[in-house]
């Protein structure tokens, strides 16, 4: 599977379950904030030789990293073949699935690289008049490399040797010194997205009681059911029709950071709490366009946890 800005909640689901997923989200937010000046600064720090050395280790780590579909297919085959018929049943299956979700991702590092180069940096590509393949400048390609490498460094985390992580992240860290700080409220989140800002603020400041409430709600509402899935589909369609794909991606990545800042962890992400948060954020991105009953379905778990706050 590939990551895309259109499916940013899926990307968020992987990032909240990774140890340094919030750092990867930070890099992707920087990538989404880039313009021509930022591209020039980032490209100036590109180190092709160091990158080639680092990516040999990245390939090895990527091949070894478990993906959800592969592991769950193995479990399904075992159940079908009777391998787990006696030992893995009922709650034990659920616990096993949660362990899989905490330790695996839906896509991989290559998908993350493609996301940066082709989705986030889509504005750097141009289509020739003769209908040939899209082209871009070498500078834009180098800048995308710097961003993608830093994101992969955080994405793979301790699956990479320390030295390799430094090789991947150092060009970005050096470039960041020459760039303006990211805005606390990205310009994509305008007045229509005031609800998103309120949700992110609340999420980033959770206390123990708040976390317990959200966990209880995630356990009882089971976001992911038919009504919820239909509402998410409607919200995603509204995001597309309103041209807010990048706005929604920014909101989901900010939610990843707030999720972790609020003390929620990989287990919370795997057990359904990310679905609750992601659905609320998606609904608030298009609150001015979404049918009230659809928005209510997506906000219901949040309101149940916080009394409509």
Protein backbone atom coordinates (compact mmCIF):
# COMPACT_ATOMS: atom_id res chain seq x y z
CA UNK A 1 0.00 0.00 0.00
CA UNK A 2 1.10 3.58 -0.67
CA UNK A 3 0.72 6.62 1.55
CA UNK A 4 -1.02 9.65 0.08
CA UNK A 5 -2.23 13.03 1.26
CA UNK A 6 -5.76 11.91 0.40
CA UNK A 7 -5.44 9.07 2.93
CA UNK A 8 -3.64 11.11 5.59
CA UNK A 9 -5.61 9.43 8.43
CA UNK A 10 -3.96 6.14 7.40
CA UNK A 11 -0.54 7.76 7.54
CA UNK A 12 -1.43 9.14 10.96
CA UNK A 13 -2.45 5.68 12.14
CA UNK A 14 1.06 4.41 11.38
CA UNK A 15 2.83 7.43 12.84
CA UNK A 16 1.06 7.37 16.22
CA UNK A 17 2.19 3.76 16.64
CA UNK A 18 5.86 4.42 15.88
CA UNK A 19 8.27 5.50 18.67
CA UNK A 20 9.38 8.61 16.76
CA UNK A 21 6.27 9.02 14.63
CA UNK A 22 5.68 12.53 15.94
CA UNK A 23 9.16 13.51 14.69
CA UNK A 24 8.31 12.13 11.25
CA UNK A 25 5.09 14.16 11.36
CA UNK A 26 7.12 17.29 12.14
CA UNK A 27 9.28 16.75 9.03
CA UNK A 28 6.21 16.20 6.86
CA UNK A 29 4.64 19.39 8.20
CA UNK A 30 7.81 21.22 7.20
CA UNK A 31 7.57 19.65 3.75
CA UNK A 32 3.97 20.79 3.39
CA UNK A 33 5.00 24.32 4.41
CA UNK A 34 7.76 24.56 1.78
CA UNK A 35 7.89 27.13 -0.97
CA UNK A 36 10.65 28.00 -3.48
CA UNK A 37 12.92 29.61 -0.86
CA UNK A 38 12.72 26.58 1.44
CA UNK A 39 13.47 24.28 -1.48
CA UNK A 40 16.67 26.18 -2.23
CA UNK A 41 17.80 26.05 1.41
CA UNK A 42 17.09 22.33 1.77
CA UNK A 43 18.72 21.43 -1.54
CA UNK A 44 21.93 23.23 -0.53
CA UNK A 45 22.40 20.70 2.30
CA UNK A 46 21.93 17.59 0.16
CA UNK A 47 24.79 15.08 0.55
CA UNK A 48 24.59 12.45 -2.18
CA UNK A 49 27.50 10.32 -0.93
CA UNK A 50 26.24 10.11 2.65
CA UNK A 51 22.75 9.39 1.37
CA UNK A 52 23.93 6.47 -0.75
CA UNK A 53 25.72 4.93 2.23
CA UNK A 54 22.73 5.36 4.52
CA UNK A 55 20.20 3.90 2.13
CA UNK A 56 21.95 0.54 1.99
CA UNK A 57 21.00 0.15 5.66
CA UNK A 58 17.53 1.58 5.05
CA UNK A 59 16.84 -1.13 2.47
CA UNK A 60 17.83 -3.83 4.92
CA UNK A 61 15.72 -2.35 7.71
CA UNK A 62 12.73 -1.92 5.40
CA UNK A 63 12.84 -5.54 4.33
CA UNK A 64 12.92 -6.63 7.98
CA UNK A 65 10.16 -4.26 9.16
CA UNK A 66 6.82 -6.09 9.62
CA UNK A 67 3.79 -4.88 7.70
CA UNK A 68 0.29 -5.37 9.02
CA UNK A 69 -1.05 -7.22 6.00
CA UNK A 70 1.80 -9.73 5.95
CA UNK A 71 1.52 -10.58 9.65
CA UNK A 72 -2.28 -10.73 9.71
CA UNK A 73 -2.26 -12.96 6.62
CA UNK A 74 0.02 -15.35 8.48
CA UNK A 75 -2.36 -15.35 11.46
CA UNK A 76 -5.34 -15.93 9.17
CA UNK A 77 -3.59 -18.84 7.47
CA UNK A 78 -2.78 -20.31 10.85
CA UNK A 79 -6.40 -20.06 11.99
CA UNK A 80 -7.69 -21.53 8.75
CA UNK A 81 -5.23 -24.40 8.97
CA UNK A 82 -6.07 -25.14 12.60
CA UNK A 83 -2.63 -24.17 13.84
CA UNK A 84 -4.12 -21.77 16.37
CA UNK A 85 -7.49 -23.48 16.82
CA UNK A 86 -6.90 -24.39 20.45
CA UNK A 87 -4.49 -21.73 21.62
CA UNK A 88 -5.63 -18.51 19.94
CA UNK A 89 -9.31 -17.83 20.45
CA UNK A 90 -11.56 -15.02 21.61
CA UNK A 91 -9.76 -12.34 23.64
CA UNK A 92 -6.39 -13.91 22.86
CA UNK A 93 -6.93 -13.25 19.16
CA UNK A 94 -7.75 -9.62 19.93
CA UNK A 95 -4.65 -9.24 22.07
CA UNK A 96 -2.56 -10.82 19.34
CA UNK A 97 -3.96 -8.45 16.73
CA UNK A 98 -3.20 -5.47 18.98
CA UNK A 99 0.40 -6.64 19.32
CA UNK A 100 0.62 -6.87 15.54
CA UNK A 101 -0.82 -3.37 15.16
CA UNK A 102 1.66 -1.95 17.66
CA UNK A 103 4.67 -3.50 15.94
CA UNK A 104 3.86 -3.12 12.23
CA UNK A 105 2.89 -0.53 9.64
CA UNK A 106 0.43 -0.42 6.79
CA UNK A 107 3.00 0.87 4.27
CA UNK A 108 6.79 1.22 4.36
CA UNK A 109 9.72 3.62 4.07
CA UNK A 110 9.58 3.62 0.26
CA UNK A 111 5.94 4.70 0.46
CA UNK A 112 6.96 7.57 2.73
CA UNK A 113 9.63 8.69 0.26
CA UNK A 114 7.14 8.58 -2.59
CA UNK A 115 4.67 10.62 -0.52
CA UNK A 116 7.21 13.43 -0.10
CA UNK A 117 8.44 13.45 -3.69
CA UNK A 118 5.14 13.04 -5.51
CA UNK A 119 2.29 14.12 -3.20
CA UNK A 120 3.74 16.76 -0.90
CA UNK A 121 6.05 18.17 -3.58
CA UNK A 122 3.56 17.79 -6.43
CA UNK A 123 3.79 21.54 -7.06
CA UNK A 124 7.45 21.17 -8.10
CA UNK A 125 6.58 18.95 -11.07
CA UNK A 126 5.48 20.17 -14.49
CA UNK A 127 3.99 18.37 -17.47
CA UNK A 128 5.70 18.96 -20.85
CA UNK A 129 3.50 20.28 -23.64
CA UNK A 130 4.30 17.20 -25.75
CA UNK A 131 2.57 14.96 -23.23
CA UNK A 132 5.75 13.32 -21.97
CA UNK A 133 6.49 12.39 -18.36
CA UNK A 134 6.36 15.08 -15.70
CA UNK A 135 9.63 16.85 -14.96
CA UNK A 136 11.11 18.93 -12.16
CA UNK A 137 14.34 20.71 -11.39
CA UNK A 138 17.31 18.96 -9.82
CA UNK A 139 17.07 21.41 -6.93
CA UNK A 140 13.52 20.31 -6.11
CA UNK A 141 14.59 16.67 -6.22
CA UNK A 142 17.47 17.27 -3.81
CA UNK A 143 15.24 19.18 -1.40
CA UNK A 144 12.68 16.35 -1.43
CA UNK A 145 15.51 13.87 -0.73
CA UNK A 146 16.57 15.83 2.35
CA UNK A 147 13.02 15.90 3.71
CA UNK A 148 12.26 12.27 2.84
CA UNK A 149 15.48 11.04 4.44
CA UNK A 150 14.77 12.87 7.69
CA UNK A 151 11.24 11.47 7.76
CA UNK A 152 12.55 7.94 7.14
CA UNK A 153 15.13 8.36 9.90
CA UNK A 154 12.30 8.93 12.39
CA UNK A 155 9.94 6.43 10.74
CA UNK A 156 12.35 3.49 11.02
CA UNK A 157 13.81 4.71 14.31
CA UNK A 158 15.77 2.14 16.25
CA UNK A 159 15.55 -0.34 13.38
CA UNK A 160 18.44 1.70 11.97
CA UNK A 161 21.93 2.00 13.49
CA UNK A 162 22.50 5.34 15.22
CA UNK A 163 25.09 6.39 12.66
CA UNK A 164 22.69 5.77 9.77
CA UNK A 165 19.94 7.78 11.43
CA UNK A 166 22.37 10.68 11.83
CA UNK A 167 23.42 10.47 8.18
CA UNK A 168 19.79 10.64 7.11
CA UNK A 169 18.73 13.42 9.47
CA UNK A 170 21.78 15.72 9.55
CA UNK A 171 21.18 17.55 6.23
CA UNK A 172 17.65 18.40 7.32
CA UNK A 173 18.73 19.49 10.80
CA UNK A 174 21.39 21.78 9.32
CA UNK A 175 18.91 23.23 6.82
CA UNK A 176 16.34 23.84 9.55
CA UNK A 177 18.72 26.33 11.19
CA UNK A 178 18.37 28.52 8.10
CA UNK A 179 14.58 28.24 7.88
CA UNK A 180 11.91 30.18 9.73
CA UNK A 181 10.19 28.23 12.52
CA UNK A 182 7.01 26.45 11.53
CA UNK A 183 3.94 28.55 12.40
CA UNK A 184 2.08 27.43 15.51
CA UNK A 185 -1.15 27.68 13.51
CA UNK A 186 -0.53 26.79 9.84
CA UNK A 187 -2.20 29.15 7.39
CA UNK A 188 -4.13 26.18 5.96
CA UNK A 189 -6.20 26.10 9.16
CA UNK A 190 -8.40 29.12 8.60
CA UNK A 191 -11.58 30.25 10.31
CA UNK A 192 -13.51 27.32 8.86
CA UNK A 193 -11.17 25.00 10.76
CA UNK A 194 -11.49 26.65 14.17
CA UNK A 195 -12.89 23.38 15.49
CA UNK A 196 -9.67 21.61 14.51
CA UNK A 197 -7.61 24.06 16.53
CA UNK A 198 -9.82 23.50 19.58
CA UNK A 199 -9.52 19.72 19.29
CA UNK A 200 -5.74 19.86 18.92
CA UNK A 201 -5.41 22.17 21.92
CA UNK A 202 -7.50 19.85 24.10
CA UNK A 203 -5.71 16.74 22.83
CA UNK A 204 -2.23 18.08 23.51
CA UNK A 205 -3.11 18.94 27.13
CA UNK A 206 -4.75 15.70 28.29
CA UNK A 207 -4.39 14.72 31.91
CA UNK A 208 -4.82 11.25 33.42
CA UNK A 209 -8.59 11.58 33.73
CA UNK A 210 -8.91 12.77 30.12
CA UNK A 211 -6.87 9.84 28.85
CA UNK A 212 -8.94 7.38 30.86
CA UNK A 213 -12.16 8.87 29.44
CA UNK A 214 -10.93 8.68 25.87
CA UNK A 215 -9.75 5.10 26.33
CA UNK A 216 -13.11 4.09 27.75
CA UNK A 217 -14.93 5.78 24.89
CA UNK A 218 -12.70 4.12 22.28
CA UNK A 219 -13.48 0.77 23.87
CA UNK A 220 -17.25 1.26 23.88
CA UNK A 221 -17.85 3.19 20.64
CA UNK A 222 -15.54 1.03 18.54
CA UNK A 223 -14.88 3.63 15.86
CA UNK A 224 -14.56 1.68 12.64
CA UNK A 225 -18.10 0.28 12.54
CA UNK A 226 -20.50 0.75 9.64
CA UNK A 227 -22.05 4.06 10.69
CA UNK A 228 -18.65 5.54 11.58
CA UNK A 229 -17.02 4.26 8.37
CA UNK A 230 -19.80 5.78 6.28
CA UNK A 231 -19.38 9.11 8.06
CA UNK A 232 -15.60 9.06 7.49
CA UNK A 233 -16.23 8.35 3.81
CA UNK A 234 -18.55 11.36 3.60
CA UNK A 235 -16.00 13.58 5.37
CA UNK A 236 -13.21 12.38 3.08
CA UNK A 237 -15.37 13.10 0.04
CA UNK A 238 -16.09 16.59 1.37
CA UNK A 239 -12.36 17.15 1.87
CA UNK A 240 -11.78 16.21 -1.77
CA UNK A 241 -14.65 18.27 -3.19
CA UNK A 242 -13.64 21.36 -1.20
CA UNK A 243 -10.01 21.17 -2.34
CA UNK A 244 -8.82 20.78 1.27
CA UNK A 245 -6.67 17.68 0.85
CA UNK A 246 -3.51 19.46 1.99
CA UNK A 247 -5.40 21.21 4.79
CA UNK A 248 -6.69 17.86 6.03
CA UNK A 249 -3.19 16.36 5.83
CA UNK A 250 -1.78 19.22 7.91
CA UNK A 251 -4.56 18.72 10.46
CA UNK A 252 -3.94 14.97 10.70
CA UNK A 253 -0.18 15.44 11.15
CA UNK A 254 -0.78 18.06 13.84
CA UNK A 255 -3.10 15.54 15.48
CA UNK A 256 -0.26 12.98 15.51
CA UNK A 257 1.90 15.45 17.45
CA UNK A 258 -0.95 16.38 19.81
CA UNK A 259 -1.79 12.69 20.35
CA UNK A 260 1.73 12.03 21.60
CA UNK A 261 2.01 15.33 23.49
CA UNK A 262 -1.17 14.38 25.35
CA UNK A 263 0.43 11.21 26.68
CA UNK A 264 -1.25 8.72 24.35
CA UNK A 265 0.89 5.89 23.00
CA UNK A 266 1.17 3.11 20.42
CA UNK A 267 -1.22 0.89 22.35
CA UNK A 268 -3.84 3.64 22.28
CA UNK A 269 -3.34 4.09 18.55
CA UNK A 270 -3.67 0.37 17.90
CA UNK A 271 -6.74 -0.12 20.07
CA UNK A 272 -8.95 2.40 18.26
CA UNK A 273 -8.27 5.74 19.90
CA UNK A 274 -6.58 7.13 16.79
CA UNK A 275 -9.75 6.36 14.82
CA UNK A 276 -11.70 8.52 17.26
CA UNK A 277 -9.24 11.42 17.05
CA UNK A 278 -8.73 11.18 13.31
CA UNK A 279 -12.48 11.11 12.64
CA UNK A 280 -13.07 14.18 14.81
CA UNK A 281 -10.26 16.10 13.06
CA UNK A 282 -11.50 15.13 9.59
CA UNK A 283 -15.02 16.23 10.48
CA UNK A 284 -13.82 19.60 11.74
CA UNK A 285 -11.75 20.28 8.62
CA UNK A 286 -15.01 20.34 6.63
CA UNK A 287 -17.42 21.32 9.42
CA UNK A 288 -18.91 24.02 7.18
CA UNK A 289 -19.73 21.49 4.45
CA UNK A 290 -20.62 18.29 6.29
CA UNK A 291 -24.19 17.26 7.03
CA UNK A 292 -24.94 17.82 10.71
CA UNK A 293 -25.88 14.19 11.30
CA UNK A 294 -22.64 12.98 9.71
CA UNK A 295 -20.56 15.38 11.79
CA UNK A 296 -22.44 14.25 14.91
CA UNK A 297 -21.50 10.60 14.27
CA UNK A 298 -17.81 11.48 14.07
CA UNK A 299 -17.86 13.82 17.07
CA UNK A 300 -20.00 11.55 19.25
CA UNK A 301 -17.04 9.72 20.91
CA UNK A 302 -15.27 13.02 21.59
CA UNK A 303 -18.38 14.52 23.13
CA UNK A 304 -18.92 11.36 25.17
CA UNK A 305 -15.41 11.74 26.61
CA UNK A 306 -15.53 15.50 27.22
CA UNK A 307 -19.23 16.28 27.62
CA UNK A 308 -19.51 18.19 24.37
CA UNK A 309 -16.51 20.42 25.20
